[in-house]
C-alpha atoms as a PDB file:
ATOM      1  CA  PHE A   1      67.854  99.826  54.128  1.00  0.00           C
ATOM      2  CA  LYS A   2      69.177 100.761  57.537  1.00  0.00           C
ATOM      3  CA  GLY A   3      71.368 103.450  55.938  1.00  0.00           C
ATOM      4  CA  ASP A   4      68.323 105.232  54.431  1.00  0.00           C
ATOM      5  CA  ILE A   5      68.783 103.540  51.060  1.00  0.00           C
ATOM      6  CA  PRO A   6      65.728 101.973  49.371  1.00  0.00           C
ATOM      7  CA  VAL A   7      66.025  98.250  48.616  1.00  0.00           C
ATOM      8  CA  ILE A   8      64.484  96.298  45.756  1.00  0.00           C
ATOM      9  CA  LEU A   9      63.530  92.741  46.661  1.00  0.00           C
ATOM     10  CA  ASN A  10      63.231  90.685  43.474  1.00  0.00           C
ATOM     11  CA  LEU A  11      61.625  87.306  44.149  1.00  0.00           C
ATOM     12  CA  GLN A  12      60.829  86.413  40.545  1.00  0.00           C
ATOM     13  CA  ARG A  13      63.153  83.408  40.572  1.00  0.00           C
ATOM     14  CA  SER A  14      62.263  82.259  44.094  1.00  0.00           C
ATOM     15  CA  ASP A  15      59.858  79.465  44.890  1.00  0.00           C
ATOM     16  CA  ASN A  16      56.613  80.412  46.635  1.00  0.00           C
ATOM     17  CA  GLU A  17      57.601  79.175  50.110  1.00  0.00           C
ATOM     18  CA  LEU A  18      60.863  81.146  50.144  1.00  0.00           C
ATOM     19  CA  SER A  19      59.063  84.202  48.761  1.00  0.00           C
ATOM     20  CA  LYS A  20      56.517  84.085  51.597  1.00  0.00           C
ATOM     21  CA  ARG A  21      59.259  83.871  54.220  1.00  0.00           C
ATOM     22  CA  LEU A  22      61.216  86.746  52.715  1.00  0.00           C
ATOM     23  CA  ILE A  23      58.094  88.913  52.506  1.00  0.00           C
ATOM     24  CA  ASP A  24      57.304  88.132  56.155  1.00  0.00           C
ATOM     25  CA  PHE A  25      60.841  89.078  57.177  1.00  0.00           C
ATOM     26  CA  SER A  26      60.836  92.232  55.045  1.00  0.00           C
ATOM     27  CA  SER A  27      57.454  93.290  56.404  1.00  0.00           C
ATOM     28  CA  GLY A  28      58.729  92.941  59.962  1.00  0.00           C
ATOM     29  CA  LEU A  29      61.891  94.845  59.096  1.00  0.00           C
ATOM     30  CA  THR A  30      60.060  97.758  57.522  1.00  0.00           C
ATOM     31  CA  TYR A  31      57.512  97.871  60.351  1.00  0.00           C
ATOM     32  CA  ALA A  32      60.194  97.847  63.071  1.00  0.00           C
ATOM     33  CA  LEU A  33      62.178 100.617  61.380  1.00  0.00           C
ATOM     34  CA  GLU A  34      59.044 102.608  60.458  1.00  0.00           C
ATOM     35  CA  GLY A  35      59.587 102.175  56.737  1.00  0.00           C
ATOM     36  CA  GLY A  36      57.343 100.999  53.954  1.00  0.00           C
ATOM     37  CA  ILE A  37      57.004  98.105  51.553  1.00  0.00           C
ATOM     38  CA  GLU A  38      55.091  98.029  48.305  1.00  0.00           C
ATOM     39  CA  ARG A  39      54.747  95.750  45.334  1.00  0.00           C
ATOM     40  CA  VAL A  40      56.069  97.391  42.169  1.00  0.00           C
ATOM     41  CA  ALA A  41      55.893  94.422  39.772  1.00  0.00           C
ATOM     42  CA  ASP A  42      55.090  90.717  39.863  1.00  0.00           C
ATOM     43  CA  LYS A  43      57.107  89.324  42.807  1.00  0.00           C
ATOM     44  CA  VAL A  44      59.162  92.540  43.047  1.00  0.00           C
ATOM     45  CA  PHE A  45      58.929  94.761  46.116  1.00  0.00           C
ATOM     46  CA  LEU A  46      60.346  98.139  47.075  1.00  0.00           C
ATOM     47  CA  LEU A  47      61.401  98.600  50.701  1.00  0.00           C
ATOM     48  CA  THR A  48      61.762 102.231  51.698  1.00  0.00           C
ATOM     49  CA  PRO A  49      63.211 103.516  54.955  1.00  0.00           C
ATOM     50  CA  ARG A  50      61.277 106.148  56.875  1.00  0.00           C
ATOM     51  CA  ASN A  51      61.691 109.668  55.532  1.00  0.00           C
ATOM     52  CA  VAL A  52      62.579 108.306  52.065  1.00  0.00           C
ATOM     53  CA  GLU A  53      60.171 108.599  49.158  1.00  0.00           C
ATOM     54  CA  VAL A  54      60.534 107.219  45.655  1.00  0.00           C
ATOM     55  CA  SER A  55      58.417 109.132  43.171  1.00  0.00           C
ATOM     56  CA  ALA A  56      55.902 107.393  40.934  1.00  0.00           C
ATOM     57  CA  GLU A  57      57.889 108.610  37.931  1.00  0.00           C
ATOM     58  CA  GLU A  58      61.083 107.020  39.238  1.00  0.00           C
ATOM     59  CA  LYS A  59      59.309 103.714  39.933  1.00  0.00           C
ATOM     60  CA  GLN A  60      57.868 103.712  36.417  1.00  0.00           C
ATOM     61  CA  ARG A  61      61.262 104.539  34.911  1.00  0.00           C
ATOM     62  CA  LEU A  62      62.864 101.608  36.720  1.00  0.00           C
ATOM     63  CA  ILE A  63      60.137  99.232  35.550  1.00  0.00           C
ATOM     64  CA  GLU A  64      60.277 100.431  31.927  1.00  0.00           C
ATOM     65  CA  LYS A  65      64.063 100.212  31.692  1.00  0.00           C
ATOM     66  CA  GLY A  66      63.974  96.617  32.878  1.00  0.00           C
ATOM     67  CA  PHE A  67      65.912  97.324  36.069  1.00  0.00           C
ATOM     68  CA  PHE A  68      64.041  94.593  37.914  1.00  0.00           C
ATOM     69  CA  ASN A  69      65.160  91.875  35.516  1.00  0.00           C
ATOM     70  CA  GLN A  70      68.912  92.523  35.636  1.00  0.00           C
ATOM     71  CA  PHE A  71      71.105  89.972  37.386  1.00  0.00           C
END
């Protein structure tokens, strides 16, 4: 994230309490570094550094190809 690389935060296998803490931390991180955070699927979030945009088409492609469910 700090190196201008978007980060996907997949919390699908996390319990609710841990998920809340990680979202709080991630929100603070993106706010402090002037980035953005958005939900792209159930319990999956995209953190983008400032000056970095991920197109709607790219987000949809990642969701459709199952990127968020790979471990």
